[in-house]
Amino acid sequence: MKSILLKNACLVNRGQIIAGDLFLIKGRIENCGGVINRKADVEIDATGLHVLPGIIDDQVHFRDPGYSHKADLRTEPRAAVAGGVTSFMEMPNTNPPALTQAILAEKYRAAAAKSLANYSFFMGASNGNIEEVLKTNPRNVCGIKIFMGSSTGNMLVDDVATLEGMFSRCPLLIATHCEDEATIRENIAIYRQKYGEDIPMKLHAEIRNVAGCLKSSALAVELARKHGTRLHILHISTKDELALFHNNIPLKEKRITAEVCVHHLYFNSDDYRTLGSQIKCNPAVKSRIHQEALLPALLDNRLDIVATDHAPHTWGEKQQTYFKAPSGVPLVQHSLNVMLEFYHKGMISLEQIVEKMCHAPAVCFRVESRGYLDEGNWADVVLVDLNETWTVAKDNIYYKCGWSPFEGHTFRGRVKSTIVSGHLAWHGGRFFEDKKGERLTFGR
């Protein structure tokens, strides 16, 4: 593996921005900061660029196996790397779903052969596979995923005894999708009676509403507190849920954590008028009052992590009527750009973006030797020009589905290079795929 020297960078790490160089060798960070006078196989002049740790996205759906017409384990990691995401944790609602150790192992084998980014996969829970779940190795699997509300893939866990068993017996981190199924079904019946099959997309936020999110999240927190479970609630989308989380406990000591996704920070229900099904997702994008509550909660540490819930579908699938158009938004290539838009508006600092997208996922999941520009860590590194503007267009969207809700939007800030486990994977507008990403490991 080639050694790499980054010269004259602005290094963003552990709440500081310092000028200096960075030397990478054998896949690791050997020297960070100051003037480094060493010869390297590759030298990059980073003058005017900011160097960040690689982003760790703890929630993506890459659709492989079973839905590879939408996305796969080659295309989506490439898109991730182009956007500065060097590591991902992928969800189990593929086909077949990752409900056995054998199926989970096959996903890891596929990623080792195809993924340009570092990878981990959640073990899936169902109403009948608790014994398989308990076989999961905490050292090399990111966690257990429980769908406490139905979403793409039909993996709903709604049996009370199953939930009690999972929360009481599972020693791993449990990540939950929280929406109350009974609430959703009642709302569907009401709106179907009024509109038939062609419900307006803007009513998605009323069908998968605030009350349903709060009821399910409160149940997950109740179960976690009862059993001492390590719980991580995914994609918080409402103001009402924020009271469930504490901000006076250091992250490394929290037993209950939560994340917010970029689309819930960026969009609100007014955007259904122009984007329609493009922003149909579960949980739904809600009204402005909920959107505007999320960023302050992120900044005061009630919400711990920024992720994407990247969930692509084809353009044709998304153009169908309400019940036929699947939920999910492709986002992993543009998550850093969304956060940099908030940065340029003075709403969040660069150091805080790094904290929430790089440091916090590493702490929350106990990812080993990643998430920081620390000497000895794996060399997951992103070079960003904060001021270069560019417009999202078909020819620079790398998702297999080929579309983005940001198409036509001009962002300020662009990823120039991405280094994955010491490998220069994205540079000069090109992918270099001669080395694949590494399997994440966890210090548990």
Protein backbone atom coordinates (compact mmCIF):
# COMPACT_ATOMS: atom_id res chain seq x y z
CA MET A 1 0.00 0.00 0.00
CA LYS A 2 1.35 3.43 -0.96
CA SER A 3 2.37 5.95 1.66
CA ILE A 4 0.61 9.31 1.40
CA LEU A 5 1.70 12.75 2.62
CA LEU A 6 -0.82 15.59 2.84
CA LYS A 7 0.91 18.96 3.04
CA ASN A 8 -0.33 22.34 4.32
CA ALA A 9 -3.77 21.17 5.42
CA CYS A 10 -6.27 22.50 7.96
CA LEU A 11 -6.80 19.45 10.16
CA VAL A 12 -10.20 19.15 11.89
CA ASN A 13 -10.09 16.79 14.86
CA ARG A 14 -11.30 16.61 18.47
CA GLY A 15 -12.88 20.05 18.50
CA GLN A 16 -9.90 21.87 16.98
CA ILE A 17 -8.72 23.09 13.60
CA ILE A 18 -4.96 23.21 13.28
CA ALA A 19 -2.61 23.81 10.37
CA GLY A 20 -0.26 20.95 9.58
CA ASP A 21 0.65 17.89 7.57
CA LEU A 22 -0.57 14.31 7.72
CA PHE A 23 1.50 11.19 6.94
CA LEU A 24 -0.20 7.88 6.16
CA ILE A 25 1.55 4.53 5.77
CA LYS A 26 0.46 0.87 5.80
CA GLY A 27 -3.17 1.96 6.05
CA ARG A 28 -2.68 3.98 9.23
CA ILE A 29 -2.08 7.55 10.36
CA GLU A 30 1.54 7.68 11.48
CA ASN A 31 2.06 11.42 11.95
CA CYS A 32 -0.54 14.17 12.36
CA GLY A 33 0.19 17.89 12.65
CA GLY A 34 3.18 20.15 12.33
CA VAL A 35 5.61 20.12 9.43
CA ILE A 36 6.35 16.56 8.31
CA ASN A 37 9.48 16.19 6.20
CA ARG A 38 9.18 12.64 4.95
CA LYS A 39 9.15 11.15 1.50
CA ALA A 40 5.95 9.45 0.42
CA ASP A 41 4.77 7.52 -2.62
CA VAL A 42 1.98 10.07 -3.07
CA GLU A 43 2.16 13.70 -1.98
CA ILE A 44 -0.93 15.91 -2.09
CA ASP A 45 -0.78 19.67 -1.64
CA ALA A 46 -3.74 20.39 0.64
CA THR A 47 -3.24 24.15 0.73
CA GLY A 48 -6.64 25.76 1.21
CA LEU A 49 -8.30 22.43 2.00
CA HIS A 50 -9.75 21.11 5.24
CA VAL A 51 -8.94 17.53 6.21
CA LEU A 52 -11.61 15.63 8.14
CA PRO A 53 -11.80 12.10 9.51
CA GLY A 54 -13.82 9.85 7.23
CA ILE A 55 -17.55 10.03 7.89
CA ILE A 56 -19.16 6.96 9.47
CA ASP A 57 -22.77 6.55 8.32
CA ASP A 58 -24.51 4.22 10.74
CA GLN A 59 -27.67 3.72 8.68
CA VAL A 60 -27.82 2.89 4.99
CA HIS A 61 -29.83 0.56 2.74
CA PHE A 62 -27.69 -0.61 -0.16
CA ARG A 63 -30.32 -3.14 -1.38
CA ASP A 64 -27.87 -5.99 -2.00
CA PRO A 65 -28.87 -8.83 -2.27
CA GLY A 66 -32.32 -8.99 -3.79
CA TYR A 67 -32.95 -5.44 -4.99
CA SER A 68 -29.85 -4.82 -7.05
CA HIS A 69 -31.82 -3.02 -9.76
CA LYS A 70 -32.04 -0.15 -7.22
CA ALA A 71 -28.53 -0.26 -5.72
CA ASP A 72 -25.73 -2.67 -4.89
CA LEU A 73 -22.57 -3.09 -2.85
CA ARG A 74 -20.39 -1.62 -5.57
CA THR A 75 -22.38 1.43 -6.69
CA GLU A 76 -23.51 2.82 -3.34
CA PRO A 77 -20.12 2.58 -1.56
CA ARG A 78 -18.65 4.46 -4.53
CA ALA A 79 -21.24 7.20 -4.11
CA ALA A 80 -20.52 7.24 -0.37
CA VAL A 81 -16.78 7.66 -0.91
CA ALA A 82 -17.35 10.49 -3.42
CA GLY A 83 -19.24 12.29 -0.65
CA GLY A 84 -16.65 11.72 2.09
CA VAL A 85 -18.30 8.69 3.74
CA THR A 86 -15.57 6.11 4.35
CA SER A 87 -17.52 3.61 6.50
CA PHE A 88 -21.11 2.45 6.51
CA MET A 89 -23.43 0.21 8.53
CA GLU A 90 -26.07 -1.42 6.35
CA MET A 91 -29.54 -2.59 7.28
CA PRO A 92 -30.89 -6.16 7.13
CA ASN A 93 -34.07 -5.66 5.06
CA THR A 94 -32.60 -7.10 1.89
CA ASN A 95 -33.87 -10.18 0.06
CA PRO A 96 -33.36 -12.58 1.66
CA PRO A 97 -33.38 -10.56 4.90
CA ALA A 98 -30.36 -10.98 7.15
CA LEU A 99 -32.18 -13.10 9.74
CA THR A 100 -29.64 -15.94 9.99
CA GLN A 101 -25.92 -15.96 10.62
CA ALA A 102 -25.38 -17.65 7.24
CA ILE A 103 -27.18 -14.92 5.31
CA LEU A 104 -25.36 -12.24 7.30
CA ALA A 105 -22.01 -13.87 6.53
CA GLU A 106 -22.83 -13.88 2.81
CA LYS A 107 -23.39 -10.12 2.89
CA TYR A 108 -19.94 -9.68 4.43
CA ARG A 109 -18.39 -11.85 1.73
CA ALA A 110 -20.07 -9.78 -0.97
CA ALA A 111 -18.87 -6.50 0.54
CA ALA A 112 -15.31 -7.75 0.81
CA ALA A 113 -15.34 -8.34 -2.95
CA LYS A 114 -17.18 -5.19 -4.04
CA SER A 115 -17.22 -2.32 -1.52
CA LEU A 116 -14.87 0.62 -1.94
CA ALA A 117 -15.84 1.84 1.56
CA ASN A 118 -15.36 0.14 4.93
CA TYR A 119 -18.43 -1.83 5.94
CA SER A 120 -20.52 -3.48 8.62
CA PHE A 121 -23.97 -5.07 8.52
CA PHE A 122 -26.72 -5.22 11.13
CA MET A 123 -28.18 -8.57 12.10
CA GLY A 124 -31.94 -8.50 11.58
CA ALA A 125 -34.58 -9.38 14.16
CA SER A 126 -37.95 -10.99 13.47
CA ASN A 127 -40.78 -12.38 15.57
CA GLY A 128 -39.12 -15.79 15.50
CA ASN A 129 -35.31 -15.64 15.25
CA ILE A 130 -34.09 -14.65 18.71
CA GLU A 131 -31.76 -17.66 18.99
CA GLU A 132 -30.04 -16.66 15.73
CA VAL A 133 -29.76 -13.08 16.97
CA LEU A 134 -28.02 -14.23 20.15
CA LYS A 135 -25.29 -15.92 18.09
CA THR A 136 -24.15 -12.55 16.71
CA ASN A 137 -20.50 -11.71 17.34
CA PRO A 138 -20.26 -8.28 19.04
CA ARG A 139 -16.67 -7.81 17.88
CA ASN A 140 -17.37 -7.76 14.16
CA VAL A 141 -21.08 -6.91 13.78
CA CYS A 142 -22.32 -3.37 14.42
CA GLY A 143 -25.58 -4.31 16.12
CA ILE A 144 -29.09 -5.75 15.95
CA LYS A 145 -31.82 -3.98 13.97
CA ILE A 146 -35.43 -4.14 15.11
CA PHE A 147 -38.20 -2.68 12.97
CA MET A 148 -40.76 -1.61 15.57
CA GLY A 149 -42.68 -0.08 12.67
CA SER A 150 -43.10 -1.61 9.22
CA SER A 151 -40.97 -0.28 6.39
CA THR A 152 -39.43 -1.60 3.18
CA GLY A 153 -38.86 -5.37 3.48
CA ASN A 154 -41.69 -6.50 5.79
CA MET A 155 -39.55 -7.14 8.87
CA LEU A 156 -41.98 -5.77 11.47
CA VAL A 157 -41.40 -7.04 15.02
CA ASP A 158 -44.69 -6.47 16.86
CA ASP A 159 -44.87 -9.42 19.25
CA VAL A 160 -44.58 -8.13 22.83
CA ALA A 161 -42.90 -11.29 24.10
CA THR A 162 -40.34 -11.09 21.29
CA LEU A 163 -39.52 -7.47 22.09
CA GLU A 164 -39.14 -8.30 25.79
CA GLY A 165 -36.85 -11.19 24.89
CA MET A 166 -34.69 -9.13 22.56
CA PHE A 167 -34.30 -6.24 24.98
CA SER A 168 -33.68 -8.46 28.01
CA ARG A 169 -31.33 -11.04 26.46
CA CYS A 170 -29.37 -9.29 23.72
CA PRO A 171 -25.96 -7.94 24.87
CA LEU A 172 -25.33 -6.01 21.63
CA LEU A 173 -26.47 -2.55 20.68
CA ILE A 174 -30.07 -2.66 19.47
CA ALA A 175 -30.97 -0.11 16.79
CA THR A 176 -34.68 0.54 16.31
CA HIS A 177 -36.97 1.95 13.66
CA CYS A 178 -39.76 3.40 15.79
CA GLU A 179 -43.24 3.98 14.39
CA ASP A 180 -46.38 2.54 15.98
CA GLU A 181 -47.98 0.16 13.52
CA ALA A 182 -51.53 0.40 14.89
CA THR A 183 -51.45 4.19 14.59
CA ILE A 184 -50.28 3.99 10.98
CA ARG A 185 -52.96 1.47 10.04
CA GLU A 186 -55.71 3.57 11.61
CA ASN A 187 -54.54 6.64 9.70
CA ILE A 188 -54.31 4.73 6.42
CA ALA A 189 -57.91 3.60 6.83
CA ILE A 190 -59.07 7.18 7.44
CA TYR A 191 -57.28 8.69 4.46
CA ARG A 192 -58.04 5.78 2.12
CA GLN A 193 -61.72 6.23 2.80
CA LYS A 194 -61.41 9.91 1.93
CA TYR A 195 -59.07 9.76 -1.09
CA GLY A 196 -59.07 6.17 -2.29
CA GLU A 197 -55.77 4.79 -3.59
CA ASP A 198 -54.36 8.12 -4.77
CA ILE A 199 -53.66 9.88 -1.48
CA PRO A 200 -51.76 13.18 -1.88
CA MET A 201 -48.07 12.73 -1.00
CA LYS A 202 -48.19 15.63 1.47
CA LEU A 203 -50.42 13.52 3.72
CA HIS A 204 -47.61 11.02 4.30
CA ALA A 205 -46.65 13.11 7.34
CA GLU A 206 -50.20 12.75 8.69
CA ILE A 207 -50.39 9.01 8.09
CA ARG A 208 -46.99 8.26 9.65
CA ASN A 209 -47.58 10.97 12.19
CA VAL A 210 -45.96 12.46 15.26
CA ALA A 211 -48.08 10.44 17.68
CA GLY A 212 -47.04 7.16 16.06
CA CYS A 213 -43.35 8.04 16.27
CA LEU A 214 -43.58 9.13 19.91
CA LYS A 215 -45.57 6.09 21.03
CA SER A 216 -43.07 3.65 19.52
CA SER A 217 -39.93 5.51 20.63
CA ALA A 218 -41.31 5.80 24.17
CA LEU A 219 -41.90 2.03 24.22
CA ALA A 220 -38.34 1.35 23.07
CA VAL A 221 -36.93 3.65 25.77
CA GLU A 222 -39.17 2.02 28.38
CA LEU A 223 -37.95 -1.46 27.43
CA ALA A 224 -34.31 -0.34 27.37
CA ARG A 225 -34.54 1.24 30.82
CA LYS A 226 -36.32 -1.80 32.21
CA HIS A 227 -33.65 -4.22 30.97
CA GLY A 228 -30.53 -2.01 30.83
CA THR A 229 -30.33 -2.48 27.07
CA ARG A 230 -27.88 -0.56 24.89
CA LEU A 231 -30.44 1.16 22.66
CA HIS A 232 -29.90 3.42 19.64
CA ILE A 233 -33.03 4.95 18.11
CA LEU A 234 -32.66 5.72 14.45
CA HIS A 235 -33.90 8.73 12.42
CA ILE A 236 -35.68 10.87 15.01
CA SER A 237 -38.08 13.12 13.11
CA THR A 238 -40.26 14.91 15.69
CA LYS A 239 -39.97 17.60 18.33
CA ASP A 240 -42.07 15.48 20.69
CA GLU A 241 -39.56 12.62 20.87
CA LEU A 242 -36.70 14.84 22.02
CA ALA A 243 -37.79 14.75 25.68
CA LEU A 244 -36.92 11.04 25.73
CA PHE A 245 -33.19 11.77 25.49
CA HIS A 246 -30.64 13.25 27.89
CA ASN A 247 -27.90 15.75 27.12
CA ASN A 248 -26.16 15.76 30.50
CA ILE A 249 -24.40 12.40 30.12
CA PRO A 250 -21.13 11.94 28.18
CA LEU A 251 -21.77 9.94 25.01
CA LYS A 252 -19.46 7.12 26.02
CA GLU A 253 -21.58 6.61 29.15
CA LYS A 254 -25.01 6.76 27.51
CA ARG A 255 -27.06 3.57 27.34
CA ILE A 256 -29.74 5.21 25.18
CA THR A 257 -28.69 7.25 22.14
CA ALA A 258 -30.40 8.70 19.09
CA GLU A 259 -29.62 9.97 15.63
CA VAL A 260 -31.06 12.47 13.21
CA CYS A 261 -30.89 12.11 9.43
CA VAL A 262 -29.94 14.84 6.99
CA HIS A 263 -33.29 14.84 5.19
CA HIS A 264 -35.22 15.49 8.40
CA LEU A 265 -32.87 18.40 9.11
CA TYR A 266 -33.11 19.79 5.58
CA PHE A 267 -36.68 19.22 4.37
CA ASN A 268 -40.11 19.83 5.87
CA SER A 269 -43.65 18.99 4.81
CA ASP A 270 -43.90 22.13 2.65
CA ASP A 271 -41.40 20.45 0.30
CA TYR A 272 -43.90 17.76 -0.72
CA ARG A 273 -45.43 20.40 -3.02
CA THR A 274 -42.35 20.43 -5.25
CA LEU A 275 -40.67 17.10 -4.53
CA GLY A 276 -43.61 14.80 -3.86
CA SER A 277 -42.60 11.15 -3.58
CA GLN A 278 -38.90 12.04 -3.88
CA ILE A 279 -38.95 12.79 -0.15
CA LYS A 280 -41.44 10.09 0.82
CA CYS A 281 -39.61 8.15 3.53
CA ASN A 282 -40.25 6.37 6.82
CA PRO A 283 -40.46 8.03 9.28
CA ALA A 284 -41.96 10.85 7.27
CA VAL A 285 -40.57 14.32 6.76
CA LYS A 286 -42.73 16.38 9.14
CA SER A 287 -43.81 20.01 9.48
CA ARG A 288 -41.45 22.94 9.93
CA ILE A 289 -41.97 23.05 13.70
CA HIS A 290 -40.47 19.57 13.98
CA GLN A 291 -37.71 20.21 11.45
CA GLU A 292 -36.58 23.35 13.28
CA ALA A 293 -36.39 21.54 16.63
CA LEU A 294 -33.94 18.90 15.40
CA LEU A 295 -30.75 20.90 14.81
CA PRO A 296 -30.83 22.56 18.28
CA ALA A 297 -31.29 19.09 19.79
CA LEU A 298 -28.28 17.87 17.83
CA LEU A 299 -26.19 20.77 19.06
CA ASP A 300 -27.16 20.31 22.72
CA ASN A 301 -26.47 16.55 22.52
CA ARG A 302 -29.97 15.19 22.94
CA LEU A 303 -29.36 13.79 19.46
CA ASP A 304 -25.95 12.18 19.11
CA ILE A 305 -25.29 11.29 15.46
CA VAL A 306 -26.02 12.56 11.95
CA ALA A 307 -26.73 9.78 9.43
CA THR A 308 -28.58 9.37 6.13
CA ASP A 309 -30.90 6.34 6.05
CA HIS A 310 -29.83 6.24 2.39
CA ALA A 311 -32.60 4.20 0.74
CA PRO A 312 -32.70 4.30 -3.08
CA HIS A 313 -35.49 3.24 -5.40
CA THR A 314 -35.67 3.62 -9.16
CA TRP A 315 -37.16 6.78 -10.61
CA GLY A 316 -40.00 4.79 -12.14
CA GLU A 317 -40.89 3.20 -8.81
CA LYS A 318 -41.02 6.60 -7.12
CA GLN A 319 -43.35 8.06 -9.78
CA GLN A 320 -46.25 5.80 -8.80
CA THR A 321 -49.29 6.72 -6.71
CA TYR A 322 -49.11 6.99 -2.92
CA PHE A 323 -49.45 3.34 -1.92
CA LYS A 324 -47.30 2.04 -4.78
CA ALA A 325 -44.43 4.54 -4.54
CA PRO A 326 -41.93 3.04 -2.07
CA SER A 327 -40.50 5.03 0.82
CA GLY A 328 -36.82 5.96 0.80
CA VAL A 329 -34.43 8.67 -0.37
CA PRO A 330 -30.89 8.36 -1.84
CA LEU A 331 -28.66 10.57 0.32
CA VAL A 332 -25.25 9.10 1.17
CA GLN A 333 -23.28 11.05 -1.46
CA HIS A 334 -24.64 14.42 -0.32
CA SER A 335 -24.86 14.21 3.48
CA LEU A 336 -21.70 16.23 4.10
CA ASN A 337 -22.88 18.84 1.62
CA VAL A 338 -26.16 19.23 3.50
CA MET A 339 -24.32 19.78 6.77
CA LEU A 340 -21.90 22.21 5.11
CA GLU A 341 -24.92 24.23 3.98
CA PHE A 342 -25.86 24.66 7.65
CA TYR A 343 -22.21 25.53 8.36
CA HIS A 344 -22.15 28.27 5.75
CA LYS A 345 -25.34 29.70 7.26
CA GLY A 346 -23.60 29.91 10.66
CA MET A 347 -25.90 27.28 12.20
CA ILE A 348 -23.22 24.69 13.09
CA SER A 349 -19.44 24.74 13.26
CA LEU A 350 -17.12 22.55 11.22
CA GLU A 351 -15.85 21.02 14.45
CA GLN A 352 -19.42 20.09 15.42
CA ILE A 353 -20.06 18.49 12.02
CA VAL A 354 -16.99 16.31 12.54
CA GLU A 355 -18.14 15.51 16.07
CA LYS A 356 -21.56 14.32 14.93
CA MET A 357 -20.63 12.56 11.68
CA CYS A 358 -17.21 11.09 12.53
CA HIS A 359 -16.38 11.07 16.26
CA ALA A 360 -19.81 10.27 17.70
CA PRO A 361 -20.58 7.21 15.51
CA ALA A 362 -17.18 5.78 16.47
CA VAL A 363 -17.90 6.31 20.18
CA CYS A 364 -21.53 5.20 20.02
CA PHE A 365 -20.76 1.90 18.27
CA ARG A 366 -17.25 1.54 19.75
CA VAL A 367 -15.75 1.36 16.28
CA GLU A 368 -12.10 0.45 16.66
CA SER A 369 -9.42 2.92 15.49
CA ARG A 370 -11.65 5.06 13.27
CA GLY A 371 -13.53 8.34 13.44
CA TYR A 372 -10.55 10.51 14.46
CA LEU A 373 -7.38 11.88 12.86
CA ASP A 374 -5.36 10.24 15.63
CA GLU A 375 -1.93 8.73 15.19
CA GLY A 376 -2.29 4.94 15.01
CA ASN A 377 -5.85 5.04 13.71
CA TRP A 378 -6.88 3.66 10.36
CA ALA A 379 -6.29 6.28 7.68
CA ASP A 380 -9.87 7.25 6.83
CA VAL A 381 -9.42 10.81 5.60
CA VAL A 382 -11.44 13.34 3.58
CA LEU A 383 -10.09 16.48 1.86
CA VAL A 384 -12.71 19.19 1.38
CA ASP A 385 -12.68 22.54 -0.36
CA LEU A 386 -15.20 24.45 1.76
CA ASN A 387 -15.74 27.17 -0.82
CA GLU A 388 -15.93 25.41 -4.19
CA THR A 389 -19.46 25.52 -5.57
CA TRP A 390 -20.97 22.81 -7.72
CA THR A 391 -24.41 21.81 -8.95
CA VAL A 392 -25.90 18.34 -8.50
CA ALA A 393 -26.62 16.90 -11.96
CA LYS A 394 -27.14 13.53 -13.63
CA ASP A 395 -23.48 13.25 -14.62
CA ASN A 396 -22.21 13.64 -11.05
CA ILE A 397 -24.79 11.51 -9.22
CA TYR A 398 -23.20 8.12 -8.49
CA TYR A 399 -26.22 6.30 -7.06
CA LYS A 400 -27.32 3.37 -9.19
CA CYS A 401 -30.86 4.81 -9.21
CA GLY A 402 -29.45 7.88 -10.98
CA TRP A 403 -31.47 10.58 -9.23
CA SER A 404 -31.34 12.79 -6.15
CA PRO A 405 -33.80 15.19 -4.50
CA PHE A 406 -30.94 17.72 -4.68
CA GLU A 407 -30.67 17.57 -8.48
CA GLY A 408 -30.27 21.14 -9.78
CA HIS A 409 -29.24 22.46 -6.36
CA THR A 410 -25.89 24.26 -6.03
CA PHE A 411 -23.85 23.35 -2.95
CA ARG A 412 -20.89 25.24 -1.54
CA GLY A 413 -18.19 22.81 -0.45
CA ARG A 414 -16.81 19.83 -2.36
CA VAL A 415 -14.97 16.63 -1.50
CA LYS A 416 -11.70 16.63 -3.44
CA SER A 417 -10.14 13.38 -2.19
CA THR A 418 -11.20 10.47 0.01
CA ILE A 419 -8.78 8.00 1.55
CA VAL A 420 -10.23 4.71 2.83
CA SER A 421 -8.06 2.65 5.18
CA GLY A 422 -4.97 4.22 3.65
CA HIS A 423 -6.10 3.77 0.04
CA LEU A 424 -6.67 6.83 -2.16
CA ALA A 425 -10.14 5.82 -3.32
CA TRP A 426 -11.46 9.11 -4.78
CA HIS A 427 -9.20 11.80 -6.23
CA GLY A 428 -9.33 14.19 -9.13
CA GLY A 429 -12.93 13.22 -9.90
CA ARG A 430 -12.00 9.54 -10.33
CA PHE A 431 -12.53 6.33 -8.39
CA PHE A 432 -9.60 3.98 -7.73
CA GLU A 433 -10.96 0.53 -6.99
CA ASP A 434 -7.85 -1.63 -6.93
CA LYS A 435 -8.25 -1.97 -3.15
CA LYS A 436 -11.54 -2.51 -1.34
CA GLY A 437 -12.64 -1.28 2.08
CA GLU A 438 -12.10 -3.11 5.35
CA ARG A 439 -14.60 -4.81 7.66
CA LEU A 440 -15.25 -2.68 10.72
CA THR A 441 -14.45 -4.09 14.14
CA PHE A 442 -15.81 -3.02 17.49
CA GLY A 443 -14.22 -2.74 20.93
CA ARG A 444 -16.80 -4.65 22.92
